[in-house]
C-alpha atoms as a PDB file:
ATOM      1  CA  MET A   1      52.227 -67.220 218.325  1.00  0.00           C
ATOM      2  CA  MET A   2      54.912 -66.211 220.877  1.00  0.00           C
ATOM      3  CA  ARG A   3      56.706 -69.289 220.851  1.00  0.00           C
ATOM      4  CA  PHE A   4      57.214 -69.192 217.343  1.00  0.00           C
ATOM      5  CA  VAL A   5      58.588 -65.821 217.685  1.00  0.00           C
ATOM      6  CA  LEU A   6      60.980 -67.157 220.066  1.00  0.00           C
ATOM      7  CA  VAL A   7      62.210 -69.790 218.255  1.00  0.00           C
ATOM      8  CA  GLY A   8      62.827 -67.540 215.301  1.00  0.00           C
ATOM      9  CA  LEU A   9      64.751 -64.868 217.778  1.00  0.00           C
ATOM     10  CA  PHE A  10      67.029 -67.472 219.085  1.00  0.00           C
ATOM     11  CA  SER A  11      67.705 -69.486 215.852  1.00  0.00           C
ATOM     12  CA  SER A  12      68.580 -65.976 214.232  1.00  0.00           C
ATOM     13  CA  LEU A  13      70.709 -65.073 217.307  1.00  0.00           C
ATOM     14  CA  SER A  14      72.370 -68.744 216.901  1.00  0.00           C
ATOM     15  CA  ILE A  15      73.097 -68.197 213.174  1.00  0.00           C
ATOM     16  CA  ALA A  16      74.981 -64.852 214.085  1.00  0.00           C
ATOM     17  CA  LEU A  17      76.964 -66.499 216.642  1.00  0.00           C
ATOM     18  CA  ALA A  18      78.450 -69.131 214.456  1.00  0.00           C
ATOM     19  CA  GLY A  19      78.966 -66.756 211.528  1.00  0.00           C
ATOM     20  CA  ALA A  20      81.127 -64.843 214.384  1.00  0.00           C
ATOM     21  CA  GLN A  21      83.147 -67.716 215.387  1.00  0.00           C
ATOM     22  CA  GLU A  22      83.886 -68.400 212.079  1.00  0.00           C
ATOM     23  CA  ALA A  23      85.124 -64.519 211.258  1.00  0.00           C
ATOM     24  CA  VAL A  24      87.525 -65.532 214.650  1.00  0.00           C
ATOM     25  CA  GLU A  25      88.296 -69.073 212.985  1.00  0.00           C
ATOM     26  CA  LYS A  26      89.269 -67.897 209.825  1.00  0.00           C
ATOM     27  CA  GLU A  27      91.406 -64.345 211.321  1.00  0.00           C
ATOM     28  CA  LYS A  28      93.012 -67.031 213.650  1.00  0.00           C
ATOM     29  CA  LYS A  29      94.436 -68.763 210.687  1.00  0.00           C
ATOM     30  CA  ASN A  30      95.839 -65.598 209.027  1.00  0.00           C
ATOM     31  CA  LEU A  31      98.149 -65.121 212.062  1.00  0.00           C
ATOM     32  CA  GLN A  32      99.130 -68.190 212.577  1.00  0.00           C
ATOM     33  CA  GLY A  33     103.016 -68.930 212.489  1.00  0.00           C
ATOM     34  CA  LEU A  34     106.076 -67.196 213.235  1.00  0.00           C
ATOM     35  CA  TRP A  35     106.186 -63.034 212.460  1.00  0.00           C
ATOM     36  CA  THR A  36     109.402 -61.410 212.660  1.00  0.00           C
ATOM     37  CA  ALA A  37     109.785 -57.936 214.046  1.00  0.00           C
ATOM     38  CA  VAL A  38     110.889 -55.082 211.398  1.00  0.00           C
ATOM     39  CA  GLY A  39     109.610 -51.666 212.938  1.00  0.00           C
ATOM     40  CA  HIS A  40     108.607 -50.349 216.277  1.00  0.00           C
ATOM     41  CA  GLU A  41     107.101 -47.395 217.317  1.00  0.00           C
ATOM     42  CA  GLU A  42     106.482 -45.550 220.473  1.00  0.00           C
ATOM     43  CA  ASP A  43     105.743 -41.970 221.595  1.00  0.00           C
ATOM     44  CA  GLY A  44     105.412 -40.680 218.596  1.00  0.00           C
ATOM     45  CA  LYS A  45     108.629 -42.055 217.243  1.00  0.00           C
ATOM     46  CA  LYS A  46     110.265 -44.592 215.037  1.00  0.00           C
ATOM     47  CA  ALA A  47     112.925 -46.636 216.661  1.00  0.00           C
ATOM     48  CA  ILE A  48     116.111 -45.526 216.381  1.00  0.00           C
ATOM     49  CA  GLY A  49     119.767 -46.497 217.846  1.00  0.00           C
ATOM     50  CA  PRO A  50     119.411 -48.799 221.045  1.00  0.00           C
ATOM     51  CA  ARG A  51     115.967 -48.509 220.665  1.00  0.00           C
ATOM     52  CA  ALA A  52     115.573 -49.756 217.161  1.00  0.00           C
ATOM     53  CA  ARG A  53     118.076 -52.795 218.390  1.00  0.00           C
ATOM     54  CA  LEU A  54     115.227 -54.296 220.430  1.00  0.00           C
ATOM     55  CA  LEU A  55     114.117 -55.322 216.973  1.00  0.00           C
ATOM     56  CA  ASP A  56     117.320 -58.069 216.693  1.00  0.00           C
ATOM     57  CA  GLY A  57     115.797 -61.392 217.301  1.00  0.00           C
ATOM     58  CA  MET A  58     112.672 -60.050 217.917  1.00  0.00           C
ATOM     59  CA  SER A  59     109.651 -62.540 216.801  1.00  0.00           C
ATOM     60  CA  TRP A  60     106.444 -63.379 217.745  1.00  0.00           C
ATOM     61  CA  GLU A  61     104.381 -67.239 217.251  1.00  0.00           C
ATOM     62  CA  PHE A  62     100.951 -67.890 216.986  1.00  0.00           C
ATOM     63  CA  LYS A  63     100.142 -71.426 217.782  1.00  0.00           C
ATOM     64  CA  GLY A  64      96.335 -72.046 217.990  1.00  0.00           C
ATOM     65  CA  ASP A  65      94.896 -69.615 221.048  1.00  0.00           C
ATOM     66  CA  ALA A  66      98.880 -69.148 222.389  1.00  0.00           C
ATOM     67  CA  PHE A  67     101.629 -66.757 221.220  1.00  0.00           C
ATOM     68  CA  ILE A  68     104.862 -66.313 222.399  1.00  0.00           C
ATOM     69  CA  TRP A  69     107.029 -62.637 222.169  1.00  0.00           C
ATOM     70  CA  ARG A  70     110.408 -63.389 222.218  1.00  0.00           C
ATOM     71  CA  ALA A  71     113.170 -61.100 222.205  1.00  0.00           C
ATOM     72  CA  GLU A  72     116.874 -61.943 221.392  1.00  0.00           C
ATOM     73  CA  MET A  73     115.973 -65.734 221.732  1.00  0.00           C
ATOM     74  CA  HIS A  74     114.566 -64.947 225.542  1.00  0.00           C
ATOM     75  CA  ILE A  75     110.479 -65.020 226.213  1.00  0.00           C
ATOM     76  CA  GLU A  76     109.367 -62.133 226.711  1.00  0.00           C
ATOM     77  CA  LEU A  77     105.717 -62.993 226.886  1.00  0.00           C
ATOM     78  CA  GLN A  78     103.486 -65.640 226.476  1.00  0.00           C
ATOM     79  CA  GLY A  79     100.385 -66.854 226.981  1.00  0.00           C
ATOM     80  CA  THR A  80      96.886 -66.338 225.128  1.00  0.00           C
ATOM     81  CA  TYR A  81      95.183 -64.274 222.672  1.00  0.00           C
ATOM     82  CA  LYS A  82      91.893 -63.586 221.879  1.00  0.00           C
ATOM     83  CA  ILE A  83      90.612 -61.136 218.856  1.00  0.00           C
ATOM     84  CA  ASP A  84      87.964 -59.739 217.662  1.00  0.00           C
ATOM     85  CA  PRO A  85      87.797 -58.784 214.190  1.00  0.00           C
ATOM     86  CA  GLY A  86      84.267 -57.618 213.526  1.00  0.00           C
ATOM     87  CA  LYS A  87      85.483 -54.237 215.313  1.00  0.00           C
ATOM     88  CA  LYS A  88      87.241 -51.571 213.528  1.00  0.00           C
ATOM     89  CA  PRO A  89      89.886 -51.812 213.509  1.00  0.00           C
ATOM     90  CA  LYS A  90      90.270 -55.519 214.588  1.00  0.00           C
ATOM     91  CA  GLN A  91      91.105 -56.227 218.707  1.00  0.00           C
ATOM     92  CA  ILE A  92      93.516 -58.266 220.132  1.00  0.00           C
ATOM     93  CA  ASP A  93      93.575 -58.975 223.670  1.00  0.00           C
ATOM     94  CA  LEU A  94      97.132 -60.987 225.351  1.00  0.00           C
ATOM     95  CA  ALA A  95      97.261 -62.529 228.645  1.00  0.00           C
ATOM     96  CA  ASP A  96     100.269 -64.477 230.016  1.00  0.00           C
ATOM     97  CA  PRO A  97      99.191 -66.158 233.397  1.00  0.00           C
ATOM     98  CA  ASP A  98     102.649 -66.145 234.710  1.00  0.00           C
ATOM     99  CA  ARG A  99     102.336 -62.433 235.279  1.00  0.00           C
ATOM    100  CA  ARG A 100      99.639 -60.757 236.741  1.00  0.00           C
ATOM    101  CA  LYS A 101     100.417 -57.493 234.974  1.00  0.00           C
ATOM    102  CA  ALA A 102     100.773 -58.773 231.684  1.00  0.00           C
ATOM    103  CA  ASN A 103      97.810 -58.337 230.064  1.00  0.00           C
ATOM    104  CA  TYR A 104      97.790 -56.075 227.107  1.00  0.00           C
ATOM    105  CA  VAL A 105      94.810 -54.592 225.051  1.00  0.00           C
ATOM    106  CA  GLY A 106      95.162 -53.680 221.299  1.00  0.00           C
ATOM    107  CA  ILE A 107      94.451 -53.812 217.670  1.00  0.00           C
ATOM    108  CA  TYR A 108      96.215 -55.754 215.098  1.00  0.00           C
ATOM    109  CA  GLU A 109      96.130 -55.976 211.016  1.00  0.00           C
ATOM    110  CA  VAL A 110      97.005 -58.141 208.946  1.00  0.00           C
ATOM    111  CA  GLU A 111      97.736 -57.156 204.964  1.00  0.00           C
ATOM    112  CA  GLY A 112      99.320 -59.641 203.154  1.00  0.00           C
ATOM    113  CA  ASP A 113     102.863 -61.070 204.934  1.00  0.00           C
ATOM    114  CA  THR A 114     102.967 -58.071 207.196  1.00  0.00           C
ATOM    115  CA  LEU A 115     101.359 -57.516 210.786  1.00  0.00           C
ATOM    116  CA  ARG A 116     101.061 -54.532 212.663  1.00  0.00           C
ATOM    117  CA  ILE A 117     100.139 -54.505 215.909  1.00  0.00           C
ATOM    118  CA  ARG A 118      99.269 -51.613 218.723  1.00  0.00           C
ATOM    119  CA  PHE A 119      99.000 -52.832 222.083  1.00  0.00           C
ATOM    120  CA  HIS A 120      98.685 -51.342 225.671  1.00  0.00           C
ATOM    121  CA  GLU A 121      98.894 -52.848 229.192  1.00  0.00           C
ATOM    122  CA  ASP A 122      96.068 -50.668 230.428  1.00  0.00           C
ATOM    123  CA  LYS A 123      92.326 -51.732 229.558  1.00  0.00           C
ATOM    124  CA  GLU A 124      91.119 -48.477 229.457  1.00  0.00           C
ATOM    125  CA  ALA A 125      93.463 -47.616 226.692  1.00  0.00           C
ATOM    126  CA  ARG A 126      93.143 -49.498 224.169  1.00  0.00           C
ATOM    127  CA  PRO A 127      94.743 -48.019 220.935  1.00  0.00           C
ATOM    128  CA  LYS A 128      92.171 -46.644 218.034  1.00  0.00           C
ATOM    129  CA  THR A 129      94.764 -45.963 215.325  1.00  0.00           C
ATOM    130  CA  PHE A 130      97.916 -47.518 213.955  1.00  0.00           C
ATOM    131  CA  THR A 131     100.052 -44.416 214.635  1.00  0.00           C
ATOM    132  CA  THR A 132     101.606 -43.389 218.521  1.00  0.00           C
ATOM    133  CA  GLU A 133     101.524 -40.102 219.536  1.00  0.00           C
ATOM    134  CA  LYS A 134     103.620 -38.269 221.481  1.00  0.00           C
ATOM    135  CA  GLY A 135     102.907 -38.640 225.263  1.00  0.00           C
ATOM    136  CA  THR A 136     101.831 -41.780 224.911  1.00  0.00           C
ATOM    137  CA  ARG A 137     104.544 -43.793 226.157  1.00  0.00           C
ATOM    138  CA  ASN A 138     104.256 -47.485 226.494  1.00  0.00           C
ATOM    139  CA  HIS A 139     101.509 -47.369 223.531  1.00  0.00           C
ATOM    140  CA  PHE A 140     104.007 -49.835 221.287  1.00  0.00           C
ATOM    141  CA  LEU A 141     103.370 -49.929 217.501  1.00  0.00           C
ATOM    142  CA  LEU A 142     105.395 -53.188 216.221  1.00  0.00           C
ATOM    143  CA  VAL A 143     105.345 -54.280 212.212  1.00  0.00           C
ATOM    144  CA  LEU A 144     106.426 -57.486 211.320  1.00  0.00           C
ATOM    145  CA  LYS A 145     106.839 -59.972 208.503  1.00  0.00           C
ATOM    146  CA  ARG A 146     106.422 -63.354 207.892  1.00  0.00           C
ATOM    147  CA  PRO A 147     110.133 -64.952 207.306  1.00  0.00           C
ATOM    148  CA  LYS A 148     110.509 -65.977 203.558  1.00  0.00           C
ATOM    149  CA  GLU A 149     111.080 -69.592 203.775  1.00  0.00           C
END
């Protein structure tokens, strides 16, 4: 009898894991392609002046499990990403294997042709909302759009 219970338990676990992986793959398809920056916020303020100019030429590109973050045609960060669409809000982790300190934890949301991503370099400081508060320097919120073809 115990054997049947264990088989049933493992079968249920396998189905749940397959469903979670399917959700990840579906969500990754949603992220694929090029995104251009249209908004930036940090420390509780929308970017203005010189900080807003950082958006000029900024793009993110997702290909498979890899990402590239460009600013003014230069690669700022590239590496791999992992997502967990089962969390509320959805979570994203970014890792650049060429830079020891370039690992970020964050949250993201895709609505139509808009991607909002908020991240931080401290693994213990994963953002919980899509707004920044005063005193949260180095917590960035980016708003990106898919370019019109």
